[in-house]
Amino acid sequence: MDVRDKVCVVARGASGIWLALCTRFAGEGAHVVLSDLDQAACEQHAASIDAFRDCRACDPRPVDPHLVARVSSPSAHPLGQGDVA
């Protein structure tokens, strides 16, 4: 999948395989939005990824079943609408 210049929203993106996926997406030229309940880790990893590609942290609280819809809407985030979630 070509993710260059796409917005990738990754829930639970501050650890494990999801963090690796964020790093991979960024390395392939995507704009990445990390979302995780561990906001401190989310901010830390977003900052390190942002060093080489646009990356932002997003607090998913309040938790609701429509998280992807909320962070993927065009007005919800400075990067715009999510392309990959």
C-alpha atoms as a PDB file:
ATOM      1  CA  MET A   1       0.000   0.000   0.000  1.00  0.00           C
ATOM      2  CA  ASP A   2       1.369   3.420  -0.926  1.00  0.00           C
ATOM      3  CA  VAL A   3       0.981   5.657   2.145  1.00  0.00           C
ATOM      4  CA  ARG A   4       3.112   8.573   0.922  1.00  0.00           C
ATOM      5  CA  ASP A   5       1.372  11.847   1.814  1.00  0.00           C
ATOM      6  CA  LYS A   6      -1.578   9.956   3.330  1.00  0.00           C
ATOM      7  CA  VAL A   7      -2.801  10.571   6.897  1.00  0.00           C
ATOM      8  CA  CYS A   8      -2.513   7.366   8.949  1.00  0.00           C
ATOM      9  CA  VAL A   9      -4.382   7.223  12.262  1.00  0.00           C
ATOM     10  CA  VAL A  10      -3.030   4.502  14.569  1.00  0.00           C
ATOM     11  CA  ALA A  11      -4.942   3.686  17.752  1.00  0.00           C
ATOM     12  CA  ARG A  12      -2.795   2.312  20.601  1.00  0.00           C
ATOM     13  CA  GLY A  13       0.156   3.734  18.667  1.00  0.00           C
ATOM     14  CA  ALA A  14       2.446   4.413  21.637  1.00  0.00           C
ATOM     15  CA  SER A  15       3.740   0.862  22.093  1.00  0.00           C
ATOM     16  CA  GLY A  16       4.457  -2.499  20.544  1.00  0.00           C
ATOM     17  CA  ILE A  17       3.548  -3.413  17.001  1.00  0.00           C
ATOM     18  CA  TRP A  18       1.413  -0.280  16.677  1.00  0.00           C
ATOM     19  CA  LEU A  19       4.397   1.976  17.414  1.00  0.00           C
ATOM     20  CA  ALA A  20       6.429   0.020  14.863  1.00  0.00           C
ATOM     21  CA  LEU A  21       3.618   0.562  12.365  1.00  0.00           C
ATOM     22  CA  CYS A  22       3.647   4.329  13.067  1.00  0.00           C
ATOM     23  CA  THR A  23       7.382   4.435  12.480  1.00  0.00           C
ATOM     24  CA  ARG A  24       7.037   2.411   9.279  1.00  0.00           C
ATOM     25  CA  PHE A  25       4.255   4.626   7.937  1.00  0.00           C
ATOM     26  CA  ALA A  26       6.294   7.750   8.696  1.00  0.00           C
ATOM     27  CA  GLY A  27       9.356   6.208   7.053  1.00  0.00           C
ATOM     28  CA  GLU A  28       7.294   5.618   3.923  1.00  0.00           C
ATOM     29  CA  GLY A  29       6.218   9.263   3.787  1.00  0.00           C
ATOM     30  CA  ALA A  30       2.869   9.250   5.599  1.00  0.00           C
ATOM     31  CA  HIS A  31       1.601  11.845   8.047  1.00  0.00           C
ATOM     32  CA  VAL A  32       0.945   9.927  11.273  1.00  0.00           C
ATOM     33  CA  VAL A  33      -1.539  10.487  14.091  1.00  0.00           C
ATOM     34  CA  LEU A  34      -0.797   8.397  17.190  1.00  0.00           C
ATOM     35  CA  SER A  35      -3.697   7.824  19.537  1.00  0.00           C
ATOM     36  CA  ASP A  36      -3.172   6.152  22.896  1.00  0.00           C
ATOM     37  CA  LEU A  37      -4.456   6.290  26.468  1.00  0.00           C
ATOM     38  CA  ASP A  38      -0.829   6.667  27.634  1.00  0.00           C
ATOM     39  CA  GLN A  39      -0.670  10.296  26.566  1.00  0.00           C
ATOM     40  CA  ALA A  40       2.885  10.855  27.855  1.00  0.00           C
ATOM     41  CA  ALA A  41       4.252   7.963  25.772  1.00  0.00           C
ATOM     42  CA  CYS A  42       2.117   9.071  22.846  1.00  0.00           C
ATOM     43  CA  GLU A  43       3.586  12.594  22.946  1.00  0.00           C
ATOM     44  CA  GLN A  44       7.135  11.266  23.373  1.00  0.00           C
ATOM     45  CA  HIS A  45       6.937   8.883  20.424  1.00  0.00           C
ATOM     46  CA  ALA A  46       5.132  11.404  18.238  1.00  0.00           C
ATOM     47  CA  ALA A  47       7.932  13.896  18.885  1.00  0.00           C
ATOM     48  CA  SER A  48      10.635  11.378  17.969  1.00  0.00           C
ATOM     49  CA  ILE A  49       8.817  10.333  14.785  1.00  0.00           C
ATOM     50  CA  ASP A  50       8.083  13.989  13.957  1.00  0.00           C
ATOM     51  CA  ALA A  51      11.835  14.559  13.728  1.00  0.00           C
ATOM     52  CA  PHE A  52      11.766  13.013  10.238  1.00  0.00           C
ATOM     53  CA  ARG A  53       8.095  13.153   9.209  1.00  0.00           C
ATOM     54  CA  ASP A  54       4.966  14.995  10.323  1.00  0.00           C
ATOM     55  CA  CYS A  55       3.515  13.155  13.317  1.00  0.00           C
ATOM     56  CA  ARG A  56       0.992  14.185  15.949  1.00  0.00           C
ATOM     57  CA  ALA A  57      -0.365  12.706  19.169  1.00  0.00           C
ATOM     58  CA  CYS A  58      -4.090  12.492  19.781  1.00  0.00           C
ATOM     59  CA  ASP A  59      -5.720  11.754  23.136  1.00  0.00           C
ATOM     60  CA  PRO A  60      -8.573   9.314  22.498  1.00  0.00           C
ATOM     61  CA  ARG A  61     -10.474  10.313  25.649  1.00  0.00           C
ATOM     62  CA  PRO A  62     -13.306  10.454  26.163  1.00  0.00           C
ATOM     63  CA  VAL A  63     -13.332   6.869  24.956  1.00  0.00           C
ATOM     64  CA  ASP A  64     -16.186   6.219  22.588  1.00  0.00           C
ATOM     65  CA  PRO A  65     -16.954   3.654  19.884  1.00  0.00           C
ATOM     66  CA  HIS A  66     -16.545   6.292  17.190  1.00  0.00           C
ATOM     67  CA  LEU A  67     -12.874   7.139  17.845  1.00  0.00           C
ATOM     68  CA  VAL A  68     -11.742   6.604  14.266  1.00  0.00           C
ATOM     69  CA  ALA A  69     -14.576   8.741  12.923  1.00  0.00           C
ATOM     70  CA  ARG A  70     -13.754  11.473  15.431  1.00  0.00           C
ATOM     71  CA  VAL A  71     -10.014  11.679  14.708  1.00  0.00           C
ATOM     72  CA  SER A  72     -10.529  11.121  10.985  1.00  0.00           C
ATOM     73  CA  SER A  73     -12.887  14.024  10.392  1.00  0.00           C
ATOM     74  CA  PRO A  74     -11.328  16.863   8.355  1.00  0.00           C
ATOM     75  CA  SER A  75     -11.718  19.391  11.180  1.00  0.00           C
ATOM     76  CA  ALA A  76     -10.530  17.145  14.028  1.00  0.00           C
ATOM     77  CA  HIS A  77      -6.812  17.376  13.433  1.00  0.00           C
ATOM     78  CA  PRO A  78      -4.298  19.801  11.888  1.00  0.00           C
ATOM     79  CA  LEU A  79      -3.193  17.125   9.401  1.00  0.00           C
ATOM     80  CA  GLY A  80      -6.703  16.795   7.991  1.00  0.00           C
ATOM     81  CA  GLN A  81      -8.846  13.749   7.349  1.00  0.00           C
ATOM     82  CA  GLY A  82      -7.401  10.295   7.954  1.00  0.00           C
ATOM     83  CA  ASP A  83      -6.740   8.089   4.928  1.00  0.00           C
ATOM     84  CA  VAL A  84      -5.645   4.922   6.785  1.00  0.00           C
ATOM     85  CA  ALA A  85      -7.065   4.013  10.186  1.00  0.00           C
END
